[in-house]
């Protein structure tokens, strides 16, 4: 018997090419290729090659099974069935043997690969970083908007407030903005990011922090006759409270309110008012942010805890001292600038240890700006909400607009207090970042760009390519079935059968036995041939005599 030839090696290049295209273009914009070439057309070409590489080895395996099938007596018509199975779906119903059925199934299933390969590629809208345009957001390392302080004839500071900050505080009282509503930014495309690739903070900036704590447990009831006419009082916190604070507030106030009395079941309203007391403070601080501009709307997110500025040793509660002295500040050992940290440089010079702090690590509030903000907050926040004599319903309360809105007709809570104070702090923060130097042109001119703004990335809308990996299960399954089929063919056939595979040449060189051919020599039409092949059983056997030798299909 002729030796069994080695099966053709399966070529994995088409599958590799498809995966390479998907991998190279995944999550990326459509390439700028000529109009006749597209991702889908490439996938279609590689799919056709993949389909051919899938079907051809299976056809070869079915051809080899055909010769192996005739090791035992079989109907001559089975030759037709095996050939049909290797060519398409017509041979599937009448396939001989489970291996041949598997090969025919793979051949038929391979015809349906095209829609699956196209469904794997999905086109979605995406944003990519543009190599043009401008993306900046305002930030600050200090607040020095008041310029030189003014003094009276006694040498004391005259409290003044920068016009922008005065407007910001009033805006926070009347119409508090959202946290990022008034932050200055510039975004060429209307879509920009100020974010790290892996998430987290992107830049640091000066801000105005706030805090409110509930001190209702410290309220002392003083019994007096009659019904009170003052329902809310806001007063500056005594200076002694913060005398030893390492981070003193720009302004701190205490609030005392009388809420609506509760309604008890089965009884009328009681005259017992519920007191609410809170202590709130404004403290300059340093915060870490990430931000995004989407369709021209700026939003930002805070990360981590804020760092409060510290009291300077020469700071005086009476705001006395040297002109232009900063009242309090902070020096950090590192700071986020454009997603990168600038750190303190240390070393020895002339035998002495030195620390060099970049400008971005130094934070401070200029003294006159401190005094102006403190004075303005005190004047605007100290007040009362009262009721006219004889009218004790909360609806008739009188007082400044902010205080009456805060009182909310006797429905004031710690949450509403904190929200109101947060609105003022957010408005002040926006102004401190947007206009940190005010009319002080010297400071503004000498400040580097990183002290004024953070630079982000301009994003532009594109159509990107994504892979729906679920759809790859079908062609991958067929590939696995093909490998399993070829492995079983190798085991089933081995070296017991000549390695003729699907070649038609063995039928020419080793055809029907001479006796069988002579007996059926009158058969001419396809129909007659089919009839004879149905009733004729034969097998492939070696023949050797004086006139002939080799392999023949002999009658069983």
Protein backbone atom coordinates (compact mmCIF):
# COMPACT_ATOMS: atom_id res chain seq x y z
CA UNK A 1 0.00 0.00 0.00
CA UNK A 2 1.37 3.46 -0.78
CA UNK A 3 2.60 5.37 2.24
CA UNK A 4 0.25 7.87 3.83
CA UNK A 5 1.30 11.38 2.85
CA UNK A 6 1.45 14.18 5.40
CA UNK A 7 -1.75 16.21 5.67
CA UNK A 8 -1.59 19.76 4.38
CA UNK A 9 -0.76 22.15 7.21
CA UNK A 10 -3.59 24.45 8.13
CA UNK A 11 -2.80 28.07 7.27
CA UNK A 12 -3.79 30.43 10.12
CA UNK A 13 -2.89 33.61 8.27
CA UNK A 14 -6.47 34.70 7.43
CA UNK A 15 -7.61 34.41 11.05
CA UNK A 16 -4.48 36.23 12.21
CA UNK A 17 -5.08 38.99 9.67
CA UNK A 18 -8.65 39.53 10.86
CA UNK A 19 -7.56 39.65 14.51
CA UNK A 20 -4.71 42.01 13.60
CA UNK A 21 -7.11 44.44 11.90
CA UNK A 22 -9.46 44.37 14.89
CA UNK A 23 -6.64 44.80 17.38
CA UNK A 24 -4.90 47.62 15.51
CA UNK A 25 -8.07 49.65 15.00
CA UNK A 26 -9.93 48.83 18.24
CA UNK A 27 -11.14 52.03 19.91
CA UNK A 28 -9.53 54.17 17.21
CA UNK A 29 -11.07 56.43 14.56
CA UNK A 30 -11.80 55.18 11.07
CA UNK A 31 -8.54 55.31 9.10
CA UNK A 32 -8.08 57.84 6.32
CA UNK A 33 -7.78 55.22 3.60
CA UNK A 34 -8.78 55.57 -0.07
CA UNK A 35 -12.53 55.51 -0.64
CA UNK A 36 -12.45 52.02 -2.19
CA UNK A 37 -10.85 50.54 0.93
CA UNK A 38 -12.65 50.31 4.26
CA UNK A 39 -12.49 48.22 7.42
CA UNK A 40 -15.56 46.27 6.31
CA UNK A 41 -14.12 45.51 2.88
CA UNK A 42 -10.88 44.27 4.46
CA UNK A 43 -12.85 42.11 6.88
CA UNK A 44 -14.86 40.72 3.94
CA UNK A 45 -11.65 39.81 2.06
CA UNK A 46 -10.05 38.19 5.09
CA UNK A 47 -13.31 36.38 5.88
CA UNK A 48 -13.36 34.88 2.38
CA UNK A 49 -9.78 33.70 2.87
CA UNK A 50 -10.65 32.35 6.31
CA UNK A 51 -13.65 30.51 4.92
CA UNK A 52 -11.50 28.96 2.20
CA UNK A 53 -8.85 27.93 4.72
CA UNK A 54 -11.63 26.42 6.82
CA UNK A 55 -13.31 24.44 4.04
CA UNK A 56 -10.29 23.24 2.05
CA UNK A 57 -8.69 21.08 4.79
CA UNK A 58 -12.12 19.67 5.63
CA UNK A 59 -12.65 18.74 1.97
CA UNK A 60 -9.25 17.05 1.95
CA UNK A 61 -10.19 15.16 5.09
CA UNK A 62 -13.50 14.03 3.60
CA UNK A 63 -11.63 12.87 0.50
CA UNK A 64 -9.30 10.79 2.63
CA UNK A 65 -12.29 9.36 4.52
CA UNK A 66 -13.69 8.28 1.16
CA UNK A 67 -10.74 5.98 0.49
CA UNK A 68 -10.74 4.77 4.07
CA UNK A 69 -14.47 3.99 3.73
CA UNK A 70 -13.78 1.49 0.96
CA UNK A 71 -11.40 -0.58 3.05
CA UNK A 72 -14.53 -2.66 3.57
CA UNK A 73 -17.20 -3.53 1.01
CA UNK A 74 -19.44 -0.52 0.40
CA UNK A 75 -21.87 0.67 -2.23
CA UNK A 76 -20.22 2.23 -5.23
CA UNK A 77 -22.68 5.13 -4.92
CA UNK A 78 -20.98 6.17 -1.67
CA UNK A 79 -18.26 7.76 -3.79
CA UNK A 80 -20.87 10.28 -4.96
CA UNK A 81 -22.08 10.93 -1.41
CA UNK A 82 -18.58 11.70 -0.14
CA UNK A 83 -17.90 14.02 -3.06
CA UNK A 84 -21.19 15.86 -2.44
CA UNK A 85 -20.40 16.20 1.28
CA UNK A 86 -17.08 17.90 0.46
CA UNK A 87 -18.72 20.36 -1.92
CA UNK A 88 -21.63 21.72 0.09
CA UNK A 89 -24.95 21.07 1.82
CA UNK A 90 -26.32 18.58 -0.76
CA UNK A 91 -24.31 15.73 0.68
CA UNK A 92 -25.12 16.37 4.35
CA UNK A 93 -28.37 14.34 4.67
CA UNK A 94 -26.91 11.11 3.24
CA UNK A 95 -23.42 11.33 4.72
CA UNK A 96 -21.76 8.06 5.69
CA UNK A 97 -20.24 7.92 9.21
CA UNK A 98 -20.07 10.44 12.04
CA UNK A 99 -16.72 11.88 10.90
CA UNK A 100 -18.04 12.52 7.41
CA UNK A 101 -21.18 14.09 8.93
CA UNK A 102 -19.00 16.40 11.05
CA UNK A 103 -16.98 17.43 8.00
CA UNK A 104 -20.13 18.10 5.99
CA UNK A 105 -21.58 20.12 8.88
CA UNK A 106 -18.44 22.29 9.07
CA UNK A 107 -18.60 22.85 5.31
CA UNK A 108 -22.24 23.97 5.47
CA UNK A 109 -21.77 26.10 8.61
CA UNK A 110 -18.79 27.89 7.05
CA UNK A 111 -21.12 29.40 4.45
CA UNK A 112 -22.80 31.48 7.23
CA UNK A 113 -19.61 33.10 8.54
CA UNK A 114 -19.95 36.34 6.55
CA UNK A 115 -22.75 38.04 8.56
CA UNK A 116 -21.02 37.10 11.83
CA UNK A 117 -17.70 38.57 10.75
CA UNK A 118 -19.37 41.84 9.75
CA UNK A 119 -21.37 41.98 13.01
CA UNK A 120 -18.15 41.76 15.00
CA UNK A 121 -17.16 45.25 13.83
CA UNK A 122 -19.19 48.04 15.44
CA UNK A 123 -18.91 51.74 14.66
CA UNK A 124 -19.62 54.11 17.55
CA UNK A 125 -19.12 57.77 18.25
CA UNK A 126 -15.99 58.56 20.27
CA UNK A 127 -13.75 61.41 21.31
CA UNK A 128 -10.06 61.62 20.48
CA UNK A 129 -7.40 64.09 21.51
CA UNK A 130 -6.96 66.81 18.91
CA UNK A 131 -3.53 68.14 18.00
CA UNK A 132 -4.85 71.68 17.81
CA UNK A 133 -6.91 74.12 19.86
CA UNK A 134 -6.80 75.30 23.44
CA UNK A 135 -8.06 73.69 26.66
CA UNK A 136 -7.49 75.66 29.86
CA UNK A 137 -9.26 76.12 33.19
CA UNK A 138 -8.54 78.84 35.72
CA UNK A 139 -6.60 77.99 38.86
CA UNK A 140 -4.72 80.02 41.45
CA UNK A 141 -1.97 79.67 44.03
CA UNK A 142 -2.85 82.83 45.90
CA UNK A 143 -5.46 85.55 46.24
CA UNK A 144 -4.05 89.08 46.09
CA UNK A 145 -6.84 90.95 44.32
CA UNK A 146 -7.04 93.97 46.63
CA UNK A 147 -3.71 95.51 45.73
CA UNK A 148 -2.03 97.72 48.32
CA UNK A 149 -3.94 98.03 51.62
CA UNK A 150 -5.34 101.38 52.74
CA UNK A 151 -4.76 102.87 56.22
CA UNK A 152 -6.61 105.49 58.23
CA UNK A 153 -4.98 108.35 60.11
CA UNK A 154 -4.36 106.04 63.06
CA UNK A 155 -2.39 103.59 60.91
CA UNK A 156 -5.08 100.92 60.96
CA UNK A 157 -6.22 98.97 57.89
CA UNK A 158 -9.33 100.20 56.12
CA UNK A 159 -11.32 97.11 55.12
CA UNK A 160 -11.88 97.09 51.37
CA UNK A 161 -13.08 94.32 49.11
CA UNK A 162 -12.27 93.79 45.46
CA UNK A 163 -15.36 94.52 43.33
CA UNK A 164 -15.33 91.02 41.82
CA UNK A 165 -15.21 89.37 45.24
CA UNK A 166 -17.95 91.64 46.56
CA UNK A 167 -20.15 90.62 43.63
CA UNK A 168 -19.29 86.95 44.22
CA UNK A 169 -20.32 87.07 47.88
CA UNK A 170 -23.60 88.80 47.03
CA UNK A 171 -24.24 86.33 44.23
CA UNK A 172 -23.67 83.48 46.67
CA UNK A 173 -26.23 85.02 49.04
CA UNK A 174 -28.93 85.78 46.48
CA UNK A 175 -28.46 83.16 43.75
CA UNK A 176 -25.87 80.58 44.82
CA UNK A 177 -24.24 78.96 41.78
CA UNK A 178 -23.40 75.33 41.29
CA UNK A 179 -19.89 74.38 42.29
CA UNK A 180 -18.34 74.98 38.82
CA UNK A 181 -20.84 77.35 37.23
CA UNK A 182 -18.61 80.46 37.25
CA UNK A 183 -15.21 78.81 36.85
CA UNK A 184 -13.33 80.37 33.93
CA UNK A 185 -12.34 77.98 31.14
CA UNK A 186 -11.45 77.95 27.45
CA UNK A 187 -12.22 74.96 25.21
CA UNK A 188 -11.84 75.29 21.43
CA UNK A 189 -14.00 72.33 20.42
CA UNK A 190 -16.54 72.55 23.25
CA UNK A 191 -15.34 69.16 24.51
CA UNK A 192 -12.20 69.05 26.65
CA UNK A 193 -10.85 66.93 29.48
CA UNK A 194 -8.74 67.73 32.50
CA UNK A 195 -8.47 64.16 33.72
CA UNK A 196 -5.88 61.48 34.22
CA UNK A 197 -6.10 58.50 31.89
CA UNK A 198 -6.61 56.17 34.83
CA UNK A 199 -8.86 58.52 36.79
CA UNK A 200 -8.04 60.68 39.79
CA UNK A 201 -7.03 64.28 40.35
CA UNK A 202 -5.50 66.28 37.51
CA UNK A 203 -4.65 69.69 38.98
CA UNK A 204 -4.61 71.59 42.29
CA UNK A 205 -6.03 75.03 42.94
CA UNK A 206 -6.75 77.58 45.61
CA UNK A 207 -10.33 77.49 46.93
CA UNK A 208 -12.59 78.66 49.74
CA UNK A 209 -13.60 75.78 51.98
CA UNK A 210 -16.50 75.84 54.40
CA UNK A 211 -17.74 73.78 57.30
CA UNK A 212 -20.82 73.85 59.53
CA UNK A 213 -21.27 71.92 62.76
CA UNK A 214 -24.35 71.42 64.87
CA UNK A 215 -24.03 73.05 68.31
CA UNK A 216 -27.71 72.76 69.27
CA UNK A 217 -26.71 70.84 72.40
CA UNK A 218 -25.09 74.02 73.72
CA UNK A 219 -28.32 76.04 73.57
CA UNK A 220 -29.52 77.19 77.00
CA UNK A 221 -33.21 77.90 77.44
CA UNK A 222 -34.09 81.10 79.28
CA UNK A 223 -37.74 81.13 80.39
CA UNK A 224 -39.49 84.38 79.60
CA UNK A 225 -43.13 85.31 79.50
CA UNK A 226 -44.85 85.62 76.15
CA UNK A 227 -43.93 84.45 72.69
CA UNK A 228 -40.53 85.34 71.13
CA UNK A 229 -40.42 87.70 68.16
CA UNK A 230 -36.86 86.84 67.01
CA UNK A 231 -36.69 83.51 65.22
CA UNK A 232 -33.16 83.57 63.71
CA UNK A 233 -29.98 85.31 64.76
CA UNK A 234 -26.62 85.25 62.97
CA UNK A 235 -23.61 86.74 64.79
CA UNK A 236 -19.84 86.60 64.41
CA UNK A 237 -18.15 83.85 66.39
CA UNK A 238 -16.12 85.33 69.26
CA UNK A 239 -12.44 85.68 68.31
CA UNK A 240 -11.34 83.69 71.37
CA UNK A 241 -12.81 80.54 69.83
CA UNK A 242 -10.20 80.55 67.03
CA UNK A 243 -7.31 82.16 68.86
CA UNK A 244 -5.29 78.94 68.96
CA UNK A 245 -6.44 77.48 65.64
CA UNK A 246 -3.61 76.57 63.27
CA UNK A 247 -5.98 77.28 60.36
CA UNK A 248 -8.01 80.36 61.33
CA UNK A 249 -11.14 81.15 59.31
CA UNK A 250 -11.59 84.22 57.14
CA UNK A 251 -14.94 84.49 58.86
CA UNK A 252 -16.90 82.37 61.31
CA UNK A 253 -20.46 82.90 62.48
CA UNK A 254 -22.87 81.35 64.95
CA UNK A 255 -26.50 80.81 64.05
CA UNK A 256 -29.46 80.29 66.38
CA UNK A 257 -32.96 79.59 65.03
CA UNK A 258 -36.34 78.55 66.41
CA UNK A 259 -38.08 76.01 64.23
CA UNK A 260 -41.77 75.29 63.91
CA UNK A 261 -43.18 73.44 66.91
CA UNK A 262 -44.11 69.80 66.25
CA UNK A 263 -47.73 68.76 65.78
CA UNK A 264 -48.69 66.04 68.24
CA UNK A 265 -51.37 63.49 67.43
CA UNK A 266 -54.70 64.24 69.07
CA UNK A 267 -53.67 67.70 70.22
CA UNK A 268 -53.39 71.25 68.96
CA UNK A 269 -50.10 72.95 68.07
CA UNK A 270 -47.76 73.36 70.99
CA UNK A 271 -45.88 76.60 71.69
CA UNK A 272 -42.61 74.72 72.32
CA UNK A 273 -40.19 75.91 69.66
CA UNK A 274 -37.35 73.64 68.58
CA UNK A 275 -33.96 75.39 68.67
CA UNK A 276 -31.28 74.85 66.05
CA UNK A 277 -27.76 76.18 66.55
CA UNK A 278 -24.85 75.95 64.11
CA UNK A 279 -21.33 77.31 63.79
CA UNK A 280 -20.03 77.87 60.26
CA UNK A 281 -16.66 79.03 58.98
CA UNK A 282 -14.91 79.98 55.74
CA UNK A 283 -11.27 78.86 55.42
CA UNK A 284 -8.98 79.23 52.36
CA UNK A 285 -7.68 75.85 51.26
CA UNK A 286 -6.08 73.83 48.47
CA UNK A 287 -8.18 71.27 46.58
CA UNK A 288 -7.44 68.67 43.93
CA UNK A 289 -9.70 68.55 40.89
CA UNK A 290 -10.47 66.71 37.70
CA UNK A 291 -12.73 68.42 35.17
CA UNK A 292 -14.48 67.99 31.84
CA UNK A 293 -16.11 70.27 29.29
CA UNK A 294 -18.97 68.58 27.43
CA UNK A 295 -20.88 70.50 24.76
CA UNK A 296 -19.59 73.74 26.22
CA UNK A 297 -20.66 72.97 29.80
CA UNK A 298 -17.90 72.79 32.42
CA UNK A 299 -18.11 70.33 35.31
CA UNK A 300 -15.47 69.36 37.84
CA UNK A 301 -14.99 66.84 40.60
CA UNK A 302 -13.04 67.20 43.83
CA UNK A 303 -10.61 64.47 44.91
CA UNK A 304 -9.33 63.74 48.38
CA UNK A 305 -9.37 66.02 51.40
CA UNK A 306 -8.68 69.73 51.14
CA UNK A 307 -5.53 71.19 52.72
CA UNK A 308 -6.28 74.18 54.95
CA UNK A 309 -3.93 77.16 54.93
CA UNK A 310 -1.99 77.68 58.16
CA UNK A 311 -1.62 80.69 60.43
CA UNK A 312 1.61 82.59 59.97
CA UNK A 313 3.63 83.21 63.17
CA UNK A 314 3.38 87.00 62.81
CA UNK A 315 -0.37 86.93 62.21
CA UNK A 316 -2.38 89.24 64.49
CA UNK A 317 -6.09 89.00 65.21
CA UNK A 318 -6.22 92.80 64.97
CA UNK A 319 -4.76 92.66 61.44
CA UNK A 320 -1.80 94.84 62.37
CA UNK A 321 1.69 94.47 60.96
CA UNK A 322 3.87 95.16 57.99
CA UNK A 323 2.32 96.26 54.71
CA UNK A 324 1.78 93.48 52.14
CA UNK A 325 2.41 90.78 54.77
CA UNK A 326 0.43 87.65 53.94
CA UNK A 327 -1.90 86.83 56.78
CA UNK A 328 -1.71 83.07 56.39
CA UNK A 329 -0.41 80.57 53.86
CA UNK A 330 0.67 77.01 53.15
CA UNK A 331 3.71 75.31 51.67
CA UNK A 332 3.12 71.82 50.27
CA UNK A 333 5.85 69.33 49.41
CA UNK A 334 4.16 68.42 46.13
CA UNK A 335 1.41 69.75 43.91
CA UNK A 336 -0.49 68.47 40.88
CA UNK A 337 0.12 70.50 37.73
CA UNK A 338 -1.24 69.13 34.42
CA UNK A 339 -1.43 65.58 35.76
CA UNK A 340 2.21 65.72 36.92
CA UNK A 341 3.58 66.41 40.37
CA UNK A 342 6.04 69.24 40.98
CA UNK A 343 7.99 68.43 44.11
CA UNK A 344 10.40 70.11 46.49
CA UNK A 345 14.03 70.01 45.44
CA UNK A 346 16.46 69.23 48.26
CA UNK A 347 20.25 69.16 48.44
CA UNK A 348 23.37 70.66 49.94
CA UNK A 349 24.94 73.95 48.91
CA UNK A 350 28.09 75.33 50.49
CA UNK A 351 27.83 72.64 53.13
CA UNK A 352 24.30 73.66 54.17
CA UNK A 353 21.11 71.68 53.61
CA UNK A 354 18.61 73.57 51.46
CA UNK A 355 15.04 73.06 50.29
CA UNK A 356 13.84 74.74 47.13
CA UNK A 357 10.06 75.04 46.70
CA UNK A 358 8.60 75.68 43.24
CA UNK A 359 6.15 78.57 42.97
CA UNK A 360 3.33 76.09 42.48
CA UNK A 361 3.92 74.70 45.99
CA UNK A 362 3.38 78.03 47.74
CA UNK A 363 -0.17 79.14 48.62
CA UNK A 364 -1.22 82.33 50.41
CA UNK A 365 -3.84 85.06 50.83
CA UNK A 366 -2.61 88.64 50.81
CA UNK A 367 -3.46 90.49 54.04
CA UNK A 368 -5.73 93.22 52.67
CA UNK A 369 -7.70 90.60 50.72
CA UNK A 370 -8.11 88.59 53.93
CA UNK A 371 -9.37 91.65 55.82
CA UNK A 372 -11.72 92.70 53.02
CA UNK A 373 -13.38 89.28 52.72
CA UNK A 374 -13.69 88.97 56.50
CA UNK A 375 -15.25 92.43 56.86
CA UNK A 376 -17.68 91.93 53.97
CA UNK A 377 -18.87 88.54 55.23
CA UNK A 378 -19.40 89.95 58.71
CA UNK A 379 -21.47 92.90 57.43
CA UNK A 380 -23.63 90.79 55.12
CA UNK A 381 -24.19 87.76 57.34
CA UNK A 382 -24.86 89.32 60.74
CA UNK A 383 -28.60 89.92 61.03
CA UNK A 384 -31.90 88.61 62.38
CA UNK A 385 -35.26 87.28 61.28
CA UNK A 386 -38.14 88.62 63.36
CA UNK A 387 -41.94 88.66 63.38
CA UNK A 388 -44.14 91.74 63.87
CA UNK A 389 -45.67 92.08 67.30
CA UNK A 390 -48.98 90.30 67.45
CA UNK A 391 -48.26 88.14 64.40
CA UNK A 392 -46.44 85.04 65.46
CA UNK A 393 -46.88 82.96 62.31
CA UNK A 394 -43.59 82.29 60.51
CA UNK A 395 -45.09 83.43 57.21
CA UNK A 396 -44.94 87.02 58.48
CA UNK A 397 -41.22 86.92 59.28
CA UNK A 398 -39.08 89.93 58.41
CA UNK A 399 -35.37 90.31 57.72
CA UNK A 400 -32.75 90.26 54.93
CA UNK A 401 -33.54 88.09 51.94
CA UNK A 402 -30.78 85.51 52.55
CA UNK A 403 -31.71 85.08 56.19
CA UNK A 404 -35.44 84.67 55.48
CA UNK A 405 -34.70 82.13 52.77
CA UNK A 406 -32.36 80.30 55.13
CA UNK A 407 -35.02 80.35 57.86
CA UNK A 408 -37.55 78.87 55.36
CA UNK A 409 -40.58 79.81 57.50
CA UNK A 410 -39.40 77.68 60.40
CA UNK A 411 -38.17 74.70 58.35
CA UNK A 412 -34.44 75.36 58.74
CA UNK A 413 -32.18 72.29 59.09
CA UNK A 414 -28.44 71.63 59.25
CA UNK A 415 -28.62 70.46 55.63
CA UNK A 416 -30.14 73.75 54.44
CA UNK A 417 -27.61 75.74 56.48
CA UNK A 418 -24.68 73.82 55.00
CA UNK A 419 -26.10 74.17 51.48
CA UNK A 420 -26.50 77.94 51.84
CA UNK A 421 -22.95 78.39 53.14
CA UNK A 422 -21.61 76.08 50.41
CA UNK A 423 -23.19 78.36 47.79
CA UNK A 424 -21.29 81.37 49.15
CA UNK A 425 -18.02 79.40 49.30
CA UNK A 426 -18.45 78.12 45.72
CA UNK A 427 -19.05 81.63 44.40
CA UNK A 428 -15.98 82.94 46.25
CA UNK A 429 -13.87 80.03 44.94
CA UNK A 430 -14.82 80.79 41.34
CA UNK A 431 -13.72 84.42 41.73
CA UNK A 432 -10.50 83.51 43.54
CA UNK A 433 -9.55 81.20 40.67
CA UNK A 434 -10.79 83.40 37.84
CA UNK A 435 -9.41 86.73 39.09
CA UNK A 436 -6.72 86.02 41.71
CA UNK A 437 -4.75 89.23 41.14
CA UNK A 438 -7.53 91.76 40.48
CA UNK A 439 -6.07 95.14 39.61
CA UNK A 440 -2.62 94.11 40.81
CA UNK A 441 -1.01 94.11 37.36
CA UNK A 442 2.53 93.67 38.70
CA UNK A 443 1.70 90.37 40.36
CA UNK A 444 -0.35 89.21 37.38
CA UNK A 445 2.45 90.05 34.96
CA UNK A 446 5.13 88.23 36.94
CA UNK A 447 3.06 85.09 37.55
CA UNK A 448 3.90 82.14 35.32
CA UNK A 449 1.22 80.44 33.24
CA UNK A 450 0.99 77.41 35.55
CA UNK A 451 -0.04 79.72 38.41
CA UNK A 452 -3.01 81.01 36.41
CA UNK A 453 -4.44 78.05 34.53
CA UNK A 454 -4.32 74.30 34.09
CA UNK A 455 -3.95 72.94 30.57
CA UNK A 456 -6.07 69.99 29.45
CA UNK A 457 -6.74 68.17 26.21
CA UNK A 458 -9.00 69.25 23.36
CA UNK A 459 -11.32 66.44 22.30
CA UNK A 460 -13.02 66.10 18.91
CA UNK A 461 -15.87 63.80 17.91
CA UNK A 462 -15.01 60.91 15.59
CA UNK A 463 -16.39 57.55 14.54
CA UNK A 464 -14.35 54.80 16.18
CA UNK A 465 -14.12 51.07 15.62
CA UNK A 466 -15.06 48.67 18.39
CA UNK A 467 -15.18 44.88 18.45
CA UNK A 468 -18.22 42.99 19.71
CA UNK A 469 -16.32 39.98 20.95
CA UNK A 470 -19.45 37.86 21.50
CA UNK A 471 -19.90 37.54 17.74
CA UNK A 472 -16.48 35.93 17.34
CA UNK A 473 -17.72 32.79 19.12
CA UNK A 474 -19.24 31.37 15.91
CA UNK A 475 -16.15 31.45 13.64
CA UNK A 476 -13.95 30.47 16.59
CA UNK A 477 -16.16 27.44 17.23
CA UNK A 478 -15.92 26.39 13.58
CA UNK A 479 -12.15 26.72 13.72
CA UNK A 480 -12.04 24.53 16.84
CA UNK A 481 -14.31 21.96 15.15
CA UNK A 482 -12.03 21.94 12.12
CA UNK A 483 -8.98 21.24 14.28
CA UNK A 484 -10.86 18.46 16.08
CA UNK A 485 -12.03 17.01 12.74
CA UNK A 486 -8.52 16.94 11.27
CA UNK A 487 -7.13 15.36 14.44
CA UNK A 488 -9.76 12.61 14.30
CA UNK A 489 -9.05 12.07 10.58
CA UNK A 490 -5.39 11.56 11.36
CA UNK A 491 -6.22 9.07 14.11
CA UNK A 492 -8.87 7.23 12.04
CA UNK A 493 -6.87 6.94 8.83
CA UNK A 494 -3.29 6.84 10.01
CA UNK A 495 -1.14 4.84 7.57
CA UNK A 496 -3.76 2.25 6.78
CA UNK A 497 -4.95 4.01 3.63
CA UNK A 498 -3.13 5.65 0.75
CA UNK A 499 -2.90 9.40 1.22
CA UNK A 500 -4.96 10.27 -1.83
CA UNK A 501 -7.26 12.78 -0.08
CA UNK A 502 -9.69 14.44 -2.50
CA UNK A 503 -7.65 13.91 -5.65
CA UNK A 504 -9.58 12.37 -8.62
CA UNK A 505 -6.40 10.81 -10.03
CA UNK A 506 -6.71 7.52 -8.07
CA UNK A 507 -9.95 6.81 -9.95
CA UNK A 508 -8.06 7.17 -13.23
CA UNK A 509 -5.01 5.15 -12.24
CA UNK A 510 -6.81 2.59 -10.05
CA UNK A 511 -10.36 2.39 -11.34
CA UNK A 512 -12.85 -0.46 -11.45
CA UNK A 513 -11.70 -4.01 -11.69
CA UNK A 514 -11.54 -5.25 -15.30
CA UNK A 515 -14.18 -7.89 -14.70
CA UNK A 516 -16.61 -5.34 -13.26
CA UNK A 517 -15.90 -2.86 -16.04
CA UNK A 518 -16.43 -5.52 -18.66
CA UNK A 519 -19.69 -6.62 -17.08
CA UNK A 520 -21.13 -3.10 -16.95
CA UNK A 521 -19.67 -1.81 -20.23
CA UNK A 522 -23.11 -1.05 -21.67
CA UNK A 523 -23.88 1.58 -18.98
CA UNK A 524 -23.94 5.02 -20.65
CA UNK A 525 -26.26 7.47 -18.91
CA UNK A 526 -25.87 9.00 -15.44
CA UNK A 527 -29.15 7.41 -14.40
CA UNK A 528 -27.93 3.94 -15.38
CA UNK A 529 -24.66 4.53 -13.59
CA UNK A 530 -26.52 5.54 -10.41
CA UNK A 531 -28.70 2.44 -10.58
CA UNK A 532 -25.70 0.16 -11.00
CA UNK A 533 -23.77 1.93 -8.22
CA UNK A 534 -26.70 1.45 -5.82
CA UNK A 535 -26.74 -2.32 -6.24
CA UNK A 536 -23.00 -2.85 -6.57
CA UNK A 537 -20.89 -3.33 -3.46
CA UNK A 538 -17.13 -3.22 -3.80
CA UNK A 539 -14.00 -2.43 -1.87
CA UNK A 540 -10.53 -1.14 -2.57
CA UNK A 541 -8.03 -3.98 -2.77
CA UNK A 542 -4.56 -4.67 -4.22
CA UNK A 543 -4.45 -6.72 -7.43
CA UNK A 544 -1.37 -8.54 -8.68
CA UNK A 545 -1.05 -10.92 -11.65
CA UNK A 546 1.07 -11.27 -14.73
CA UNK A 547 -0.73 -8.54 -16.65
CA UNK A 548 -1.69 -6.02 -13.98
CA UNK A 549 -0.83 -4.89 -10.49
CA UNK A 550 -1.89 -2.09 -8.12
CA UNK A 551 -5.13 -1.09 -6.49
CA UNK A 552 -8.59 -1.72 -7.88
CA UNK A 553 -12.22 -1.38 -6.81
CA UNK A 554 -13.18 -5.05 -6.85
CA UNK A 555 -16.66 -6.51 -6.65
CA UNK A 556 -17.62 -7.94 -3.31
